[in-house]
Structure formats: structure tokens, C-alpha cells
Amino acid sequence: MVADYFKKKKLTDELVAEHLTGMLEKIFRAIEKKDAKTIMDLTEPTFGKKLTDNLIGMSDLKYTPPSSPSNAFVVDKIFIKGMNIDRTKNDTNFDYYFVQTMEKFGLRTFVHRFNTGDFYYYYMRDMKESHFKRLMDEKLSRDDPDGQYHFQRQTMNDIKAYKNEMFNRDF
């Protein structure tokens, strides 16, 4: 799967290794110069923040580029599906099933438990404040049939929107 994609895009291992080596060199030079903006531009946000927060402690670092860039090589290539590149947008490890059946073809998949039937747990976890506030409002206006209809309709719309959001997070 990955090999076919690389072939279709005309990407070679040497080209990927050269690109990644260039990116690493830019990151190392940015650390040496204490250039927080470049570090944040080139790294995943959580990792970049950890690096920039610790730049003061890296005062005596000097970067020496490798004598030959041809020393770099690609060991493995894999697609990862179901997780966001920005770790802050992912839930915890508990919230995902790790599916290995396609890994030999270069595909590692993480399926959110929401999509395997744990909908109510995640809905109540993420929406409980707005849901219970509406429940209390509905309780106050119990004598008003239009209010009850509006509450039920709004809850259904919220559930539908939440399901779409969670589904789109994985796929």
C-alpha cells in the first residue's frame, strides 16, 4: 500500500531521506539559534512546545552537520489512520483500539471507541453540561408542550452533530 503510493507519487527512499535530513538539520540549527518560531513551524505542536520551553537550558549546544548526508536512509514507511498529527486534538490511549491487521501492508489504524458502540459514554462525557442544563430548563417548562418539543428536537440535533463530529475525527 505504502510502496504503491510512493511509486505513484514518484517518491524514492533517497528523496525522503534527503528531505527528512534537511528538516532535522533546520530543527537543530533553530535550537542552536534559539529560534522558537522555526521550531514550532517544523515540529508537532506538543513536541515543539517542549523544545521551546527548554531552550534556556540548551545554552551551550552546538550543531555540527554530518560529513556526508548519504549516511541517512529510510528504515520503514507507514500510514497512520485515525489519529491527528496534533496530539492535543486526540483523546487518551484508552479511547482508541489499535488495529494491526493491515500493518504488513503499511497501514496502522486507530479506531476511536466511540465508533465501536461506546457512543453514550462519550456523549455524556463531552456534552453533559449543555445536556443537563437543557434538562433543567425543560423541567422548569414542563407545562409548556412547545418547550418539550423544542428540548427533544434540540437534543436530537445535538446528538446528530456530535455523531458526525466524532465520525469525521476518525475517517
Protein backbone atom coordinates (compact mmCIF):
# COMPACT_ATOMS: atom_id res chain seq x y z
CA MET A 1 0.00 0.00 0.00
CA VAL A 2 2.71 2.50 1.01
CA ALA A 3 5.04 1.27 -1.72
CA ASP A 4 2.29 1.77 -4.31
CA TYR A 5 1.61 5.28 -3.04
CA PHE A 6 5.31 6.18 -3.17
CA LYS A 7 5.60 4.75 -6.68
CA LYS A 8 2.53 6.70 -7.86
CA LYS A 9 3.89 9.95 -6.37
CA LYS A 10 7.38 9.18 -7.76
CA LEU A 11 8.96 9.33 -4.30
CA THR A 12 12.14 7.38 -3.68
CA ASP A 13 13.65 6.40 -0.33
CA GLU A 14 16.64 8.61 -1.13
CA LEU A 15 14.41 11.64 -1.74
CA VAL A 16 12.51 11.06 1.52
CA ALA A 17 15.75 10.57 3.47
CA GLU A 18 17.19 13.76 1.97
CA HIS A 19 14.04 15.73 2.84
CA LEU A 20 13.88 14.42 6.43
CA THR A 21 17.61 15.03 6.93
CA GLY A 22 17.10 18.61 5.72
CA MET A 23 14.22 19.12 8.14
CA LEU A 24 16.23 17.72 11.05
CA GLU A 25 19.13 19.98 10.17
CA LYS A 26 16.79 23.00 10.18
CA ILE A 27 15.42 21.97 13.58
CA PHE A 28 18.92 21.50 15.03
CA ARG A 29 20.04 24.88 13.68
CA ALA A 30 16.89 26.53 15.10
CA ILE A 31 17.63 25.01 18.52
CA GLU A 32 21.20 26.27 18.29
CA LYS A 33 19.97 29.79 17.41
CA LYS A 34 17.06 29.56 19.89
CA ASP A 35 14.61 30.31 17.08
CA ALA A 36 11.29 29.30 18.67
CA LYS A 37 9.20 30.25 15.60
CA THR A 38 11.13 27.93 13.28
CA ILE A 39 10.98 25.12 15.83
CA MET A 40 7.20 25.49 16.12
CA ASP A 41 6.82 25.65 12.32
CA LEU A 42 8.78 22.43 11.77
CA THR A 43 7.60 20.23 14.64
CA GLU A 44 4.41 18.78 16.02
CA PRO A 45 2.92 21.40 18.42
CA THR A 46 3.33 19.41 21.66
CA PHE A 47 6.94 18.46 20.85
CA GLY A 48 7.71 21.99 19.65
CA LYS A 49 6.38 23.50 22.88
CA LYS A 50 8.54 21.16 24.96
CA LEU A 51 11.59 22.14 22.91
CA THR A 52 10.92 25.88 23.07
CA ASP A 53 10.16 25.74 26.80
CA ASN A 54 13.59 24.20 27.38
CA LEU A 55 15.65 26.43 25.07
CA ILE A 56 17.16 28.26 28.05
CA GLY A 57 18.63 25.02 29.34
CA MET A 58 20.21 24.35 25.93
CA SER A 59 22.54 27.34 26.03
CA ASP A 60 25.78 25.60 25.13
CA LEU A 61 24.55 23.35 22.32
CA LYS A 62 26.39 23.48 19.01
CA TYR A 63 25.27 21.67 15.90
CA THR A 64 27.74 20.03 13.54
CA PRO A 65 26.15 18.73 10.34
CA PRO A 66 27.05 15.21 9.23
CA SER A 67 30.06 14.93 6.96
CA SER A 68 28.03 13.00 4.39
CA PRO A 69 24.25 13.32 4.04
CA SER A 70 24.24 9.95 2.27
CA ASN A 71 24.51 8.29 5.70
CA ALA A 72 20.75 8.73 6.15
CA PHE A 73 18.40 6.03 4.94
CA VAL A 74 14.72 5.13 5.30
CA VAL A 75 14.10 2.11 7.52
CA ASP A 76 10.32 1.89 7.22
CA LYS A 77 7.34 3.78 5.85
CA ILE A 78 3.84 3.54 7.29
CA PHE A 79 0.49 5.34 7.07
CA ILE A 80 -1.27 6.01 10.36
CA LYS A 81 -5.05 6.44 10.19
CA GLY A 82 -7.40 7.63 12.92
CA MET A 83 -5.09 9.93 14.87
CA ASN A 84 -4.45 13.63 14.38
CA ILE A 85 -0.92 14.92 13.80
CA ASP A 86 -1.55 17.46 16.55
CA ARG A 87 -1.64 15.31 19.71
CA THR A 88 -3.77 17.86 21.58
CA LYS A 89 -6.68 17.00 19.26
CA ASN A 90 -6.57 13.29 20.15
CA ASP A 91 -8.18 11.64 23.14
CA THR A 92 -6.25 9.34 25.50
CA ASN A 93 -4.77 5.95 24.57
CA PHE A 94 -7.72 4.26 26.32
CA ASP A 95 -10.11 5.86 23.82
CA TYR A 96 -8.68 4.04 20.78
CA TYR A 97 -8.46 0.47 19.57
CA PHE A 98 -5.18 -0.27 17.81
CA VAL A 99 -5.80 -2.38 14.69
CA GLN A 100 -2.73 -4.24 13.40
CA THR A 101 -4.26 -6.43 10.69
CA MET A 102 -3.08 -4.17 7.83
CA GLU A 103 0.30 -3.23 9.27
CA LYS A 104 2.20 -5.62 6.99
CA PHE A 105 0.82 -3.53 4.11
CA GLY A 106 1.97 -0.29 5.72
CA LEU A 107 -1.27 0.83 7.40
CA ARG A 108 -1.59 1.29 11.17
CA THR A 109 -5.15 2.11 12.21
CA PHE A 110 -6.55 3.56 15.41
CA VAL A 111 -10.34 3.31 15.77
CA HIS A 112 -11.99 5.51 18.37
CA ARG A 113 -14.14 3.57 20.83
CA PHE A 114 -16.96 5.97 20.04
CA ASN A 115 -17.27 4.30 16.63
CA THR A 116 -17.45 0.81 18.12
CA GLY A 117 -20.55 1.35 20.24
CA ASP A 118 -19.46 3.44 23.22
CA PHE A 119 -21.45 6.44 21.98
CA TYR A 120 -23.32 7.23 25.21
CA TYR A 121 -20.19 7.32 27.35
CA TYR A 122 -18.53 9.88 25.06
CA TYR A 123 -21.70 11.88 24.55
CA MET A 124 -22.21 12.21 28.29
CA ARG A 125 -18.52 12.94 28.85
CA ASP A 126 -18.35 15.70 26.24
CA MET A 127 -21.87 17.11 26.26
CA LYS A 128 -23.07 16.64 29.84
CA GLU A 129 -23.01 20.34 30.78
CA SER A 130 -25.16 21.53 27.88
CA HIS A 131 -27.36 18.43 28.05
CA PHE A 132 -28.10 18.71 31.78
CA LYS A 133 -28.60 22.48 31.54
CA ARG A 134 -31.26 21.84 28.90
CA LEU A 135 -32.78 19.10 31.07
CA MET A 136 -33.15 21.58 33.92
CA ASP A 137 -34.64 24.18 31.57
CA GLU A 138 -37.08 21.56 30.27
CA LYS A 139 -38.02 20.59 33.81
CA LEU A 140 -38.87 24.23 34.56
CA SER A 141 -41.08 24.49 31.49
CA ARG A 142 -42.75 21.07 31.75
CA ASP A 143 -46.22 22.56 31.38
CA ASP A 144 -45.26 24.04 28.01
CA PRO A 145 -45.71 21.38 25.26
CA ASP A 146 -43.82 23.53 22.73
CA GLY A 147 -40.90 23.75 25.16
CA GLN A 148 -40.78 19.97 25.50
CA TYR A 149 -40.84 19.52 21.74
CA HIS A 150 -38.08 22.11 21.35
CA PHE A 151 -35.96 20.33 24.00
CA GLN A 152 -36.35 16.95 22.31
CA ARG A 153 -35.64 18.37 18.86
CA GLN A 154 -32.55 20.26 20.11
CA THR A 155 -31.23 17.14 21.86
CA MET A 156 -31.65 15.09 18.69
CA ASN A 157 -29.87 17.76 16.64
CA ASP A 158 -27.01 17.85 19.17
CA ILE A 159 -26.66 14.06 19.11
CA LYS A 160 -26.61 14.03 15.31
CA ALA A 161 -24.00 16.80 15.15
CA TYR A 162 -21.88 15.07 17.80
CA LYS A 163 -22.01 11.74 15.95
CA ASN A 164 -20.91 13.44 12.73
CA GLU A 165 -18.05 15.23 14.50
CA MET A 166 -16.79 12.02 16.12
CA PHE A 167 -17.15 10.02 12.90
CA ASN A 168 -15.23 12.61 10.90
CA ARG A 169 -12.46 12.58 13.51
CA ASP A 170 -11.57 9.01 12.52
CA PHE A 171 -12.40 8.94 8.83
